[in-house]
N, C-alpha and C. Protein backbone atom coordinates (compact mmCIF):
# COMPACT_ATOMS: atom_id res chain seq x y z
N MET A 1 6.56 -22.65 -79.47
CA MET A 1 6.03 -21.66 -80.64
C MET A 1 4.71 -21.28 -80.05
N LYS A 2 3.81 -22.23 -79.63
CA LYS A 2 2.39 -21.97 -79.20
C LYS A 2 2.44 -21.08 -77.77
N GLU A 3 3.52 -21.36 -76.97
CA GLU A 3 3.47 -20.57 -75.70
C GLU A 3 3.95 -19.15 -76.16
N THR A 4 4.83 -18.96 -77.16
CA THR A 4 5.06 -17.66 -77.67
C THR A 4 3.80 -16.92 -78.14
N VAL A 5 2.93 -17.47 -78.90
CA VAL A 5 1.84 -16.77 -79.20
C VAL A 5 0.88 -16.41 -78.26
N GLN A 6 0.73 -17.40 -77.36
CA GLN A 6 -0.12 -17.19 -76.20
C GLN A 6 0.52 -16.09 -75.33
N GLY A 7 1.57 -15.94 -75.00
CA GLY A 7 2.11 -14.87 -74.23
C GLY A 7 1.92 -13.56 -74.90
N THR A 8 2.30 -13.43 -76.35
CA THR A 8 2.03 -12.40 -77.00
C THR A 8 0.75 -11.88 -77.01
N VAL A 9 -0.33 -12.72 -76.96
CA VAL A 9 -1.84 -12.32 -77.08
C VAL A 9 -2.01 -11.76 -75.71
N ILE A 10 -1.64 -12.48 -74.54
CA ILE A 10 -1.90 -12.06 -73.23
C ILE A 10 -1.28 -10.59 -72.95
N LEU A 11 -0.01 -10.53 -73.65
CA LEU A 11 0.72 -9.14 -73.52
C LEU A 11 0.06 -8.16 -74.10
N VAL A 12 -0.70 -8.32 -75.29
CA VAL A 12 -1.44 -7.38 -76.05
C VAL A 12 -2.56 -6.99 -75.45
N ILE A 13 -3.28 -8.06 -74.85
CA ILE A 13 -4.57 -7.79 -74.13
C ILE A 13 -4.25 -6.82 -72.91
N LEU A 14 -3.25 -7.19 -72.12
CA LEU A 14 -2.91 -6.35 -71.12
C LEU A 14 -2.53 -4.94 -71.24
N CYS A 15 -1.89 -4.83 -72.41
CA CYS A 15 -1.52 -3.44 -72.73
C CYS A 15 -2.73 -2.67 -73.35
N LEU A 16 -3.74 -3.27 -74.03
CA LEU A 16 -4.91 -2.56 -74.51
C LEU A 16 -5.75 -2.19 -73.37
N MET A 17 -5.96 -3.11 -72.11
CA MET A 17 -6.75 -2.76 -71.00
C MET A 17 -6.01 -1.85 -70.35
N SER A 18 -4.77 -1.85 -70.22
CA SER A 18 -4.18 -0.51 -69.36
C SER A 18 -4.36 0.78 -70.00
N ILE A 19 -4.14 0.65 -71.59
CA ILE A 19 -4.44 2.04 -72.31
C ILE A 19 -5.66 2.45 -72.15
N LEU A 20 -6.72 1.56 -72.15
CA LEU A 20 -8.29 1.97 -71.98
C LEU A 20 -8.35 2.59 -70.70
N LEU A 21 -7.85 1.80 -69.54
CA LEU A 21 -8.01 2.39 -68.12
C LEU A 21 -7.53 3.88 -68.13
N LEU A 22 -6.31 3.86 -68.66
CA LEU A 22 -5.78 5.32 -68.50
C LEU A 22 -6.35 6.29 -69.34
N TRP A 23 -6.95 5.89 -70.38
CA TRP A 23 -7.85 6.84 -71.34
C TRP A 23 -8.91 7.21 -70.37
N GLY A 24 -9.78 6.20 -69.78
CA GLY A 24 -10.95 6.40 -69.10
C GLY A 24 -10.60 7.20 -67.89
N LEU A 25 -9.55 7.02 -67.24
CA LEU A 25 -9.23 7.90 -65.92
C LEU A 25 -9.09 9.26 -66.30
N ALA A 26 -8.28 9.33 -67.53
CA ALA A 26 -8.07 11.00 -68.10
C ALA A 26 -9.02 11.60 -68.49
N SER A 27 -10.10 10.91 -68.91
CA SER A 27 -11.24 11.79 -69.63
C SER A 27 -12.03 12.31 -68.37
N PRO A 28 -12.86 13.41 -68.72
CA PRO A 28 -13.73 13.97 -67.68
C PRO A 28 -14.94 12.92 -67.29
N PRO A 29 -15.42 13.13 -66.24
CA PRO A 29 -16.41 12.33 -65.75
C PRO A 29 -17.83 12.56 -66.55
N THR A 30 -18.45 11.51 -66.82
CA THR A 30 -19.74 11.71 -67.49
C THR A 30 -20.88 11.02 -66.65
N THR A 31 -22.09 11.36 -67.17
CA THR A 31 -23.17 11.05 -66.47
C THR A 31 -24.09 10.39 -67.32
N ILE A 32 -24.86 9.37 -67.04
CA ILE A 32 -25.74 8.67 -67.90
C ILE A 32 -27.01 8.85 -67.58
N GLU A 33 -27.95 9.68 -68.39
CA GLU A 33 -29.26 10.00 -68.09
C GLU A 33 -30.31 9.15 -68.64
N PHE A 34 -31.26 8.70 -67.91
CA PHE A 34 -32.37 7.86 -68.38
C PHE A 34 -33.60 8.91 -68.98
N PRO A 35 -33.87 9.38 -70.06
CA PRO A 35 -34.86 10.33 -70.37
C PRO A 35 -36.29 9.81 -69.84
N LEU A 36 -36.45 8.49 -69.78
CA LEU A 36 -37.84 8.02 -69.45
C LEU A 36 -37.98 8.36 -68.01
N LEU A 37 -37.18 8.19 -67.11
CA LEU A 37 -37.17 8.16 -65.70
C LEU A 37 -37.03 9.71 -65.20
N SER A 38 -36.24 10.70 -66.10
CA SER A 38 -35.90 11.90 -65.54
C SER A 38 -37.03 12.73 -65.44
N HIS A 39 -37.86 12.64 -66.38
CA HIS A 39 -39.21 13.67 -66.31
C HIS A 39 -40.35 13.02 -65.34
N SER A 40 -40.26 11.89 -65.06
CA SER A 40 -41.22 11.39 -64.31
C SER A 40 -41.14 11.81 -62.78
N LYS A 41 -39.89 11.42 -62.20
CA LYS A 41 -39.60 11.63 -60.68
C LYS A 41 -38.20 12.21 -60.61
N PRO A 42 -38.02 13.14 -59.89
CA PRO A 42 -36.74 13.56 -59.75
C PRO A 42 -35.71 12.58 -59.00
N ALA A 43 -34.54 12.55 -59.45
CA ALA A 43 -33.54 11.38 -58.97
C ALA A 43 -33.41 11.51 -57.43
N LEU A 44 -33.16 10.46 -56.77
CA LEU A 44 -32.94 10.32 -55.36
C LEU A 44 -31.59 10.10 -55.05
N ILE A 45 -31.12 11.27 -54.56
CA ILE A 45 -29.59 11.44 -54.49
C ILE A 45 -29.10 10.80 -53.09
N ASP A 46 -29.79 11.32 -52.23
CA ASP A 46 -29.52 11.05 -50.74
C ASP A 46 -29.79 9.62 -50.45
N VAL A 47 -28.86 8.90 -49.64
CA VAL A 47 -29.28 7.50 -49.23
C VAL A 47 -30.47 7.50 -48.53
N PHE A 48 -30.78 8.31 -47.47
CA PHE A 48 -31.88 8.32 -46.61
C PHE A 48 -33.19 8.51 -47.42
N HIS A 49 -33.00 9.18 -48.41
CA HIS A 49 -34.30 9.43 -49.28
C HIS A 49 -34.50 8.25 -50.12
N ILE A 50 -33.52 7.45 -50.56
CA ILE A 50 -33.79 6.20 -51.31
C ILE A 50 -34.50 5.06 -50.20
N ILE A 51 -33.66 5.07 -49.25
CA ILE A 51 -34.36 4.03 -47.99
C ILE A 51 -35.79 4.37 -47.65
N GLU A 52 -35.93 5.81 -47.52
CA GLU A 52 -37.29 6.18 -47.24
C GLU A 52 -38.20 5.76 -48.50
N ALA A 53 -37.87 5.98 -49.58
CA ALA A 53 -38.81 5.77 -50.77
C ALA A 53 -39.09 4.22 -50.88
N VAL A 54 -38.00 3.48 -50.35
CA VAL A 54 -38.25 2.08 -50.58
C VAL A 54 -39.11 1.36 -49.68
N PHE A 55 -38.73 1.74 -48.31
CA PHE A 55 -39.33 1.03 -47.25
C PHE A 55 -40.49 1.82 -46.61
N LEU A 56 -40.51 3.13 -46.88
CA LEU A 56 -41.50 3.93 -46.18
C LEU A 56 -42.41 4.55 -47.07
N VAL A 57 -42.97 3.79 -47.99
CA VAL A 57 -43.84 4.29 -48.86
C VAL A 57 -45.01 4.85 -48.61
N GLU A 58 -45.29 6.19 -48.93
CA GLU A 58 -46.41 6.85 -48.32
C GLU A 58 -47.79 6.44 -49.16
């Protein structure tokens, strides 16, 4: 009886995870913006610009 309940719980969790994964993959991509950082400095998109900003501080 205990094994049946544990198996059912695991099956429900796996089904919910797969449904959420498919829903997330089907939805259009979204971006997260940080309003406090967006107006102070432009976003560093290129990897070389990030490395330059971190290591070669002017």
